[in-house]
Amino acid sequence: HAWGMINGKGGPHWARMIGILLTWLAILVAALLLFWNVWQVYG
């Protein structure tokens, strides 16, 4: 993981948490867009 390599094992974990949050946010946005498209077609 890039953030872990930059900060090192002894560094703070905020960058890793931000990376995880961004990943979950991207998944959530993709799911919402998919749901919106399905709702537009079938709703």
Protein backbone atom coordinates (compact mmCIF):
# COMPACT_ATOMS: atom_id res chain seq x y z
CA HIS A 1 0.00 0.00 0.00
CA ALA A 2 1.43 3.34 -1.06
CA TRP A 3 0.38 5.28 2.06
CA GLY A 4 1.94 2.67 4.35
CA MET A 5 5.19 2.79 2.39
CA ILE A 6 5.32 6.58 2.59
CA ASN A 7 4.56 6.82 6.31
CA GLY A 8 6.50 3.75 7.37
CA LYS A 9 5.42 1.15 9.91
CA GLY A 10 6.10 3.53 12.80
CA GLY A 11 4.11 6.42 11.34
CA PRO A 12 0.54 7.48 12.03
CA HIS A 13 -2.35 5.47 10.67
CA TRP A 14 -4.50 8.41 9.56
CA ALA A 15 -3.38 8.06 5.95
CA ARG A 16 -4.35 4.39 5.91
CA MET A 17 -7.73 5.21 7.46
CA ILE A 18 -8.27 7.92 4.84
CA GLY A 19 -7.43 5.40 2.12
CA ILE A 20 -9.94 2.92 3.54
CA LEU A 21 -12.59 5.64 3.82
CA LEU A 22 -11.97 6.74 0.23
CA THR A 23 -12.24 3.13 -0.93
CA TRP A 24 -15.56 2.64 0.88
CA LEU A 25 -16.77 6.01 -0.42
CA ALA A 26 -15.95 4.99 -4.00
CA ILE A 27 -17.80 1.68 -3.51
CA LEU A 28 -20.80 3.51 -2.04
CA VAL A 29 -20.90 6.03 -4.90
CA ALA A 30 -20.69 3.23 -7.47
CA ALA A 31 -23.51 1.36 -5.73
CA LEU A 32 -25.66 4.50 -5.61
CA LEU A 33 -25.05 5.20 -9.30
CA LEU A 34 -25.93 1.61 -10.20
CA PHE A 35 -29.09 1.76 -8.08
CA TRP A 36 -30.01 5.13 -9.65
CA ASN A 37 -29.59 3.73 -13.18
CA VAL A 38 -31.71 0.66 -12.39
CA TRP A 39 -34.37 2.86 -10.75
CA GLN A 40 -34.44 5.15 -13.79
CA VAL A 41 -34.89 2.21 -16.18
CA TYR A 42 -37.38 0.12 -14.20
CA GLY A 43 -38.99 2.80 -12.05
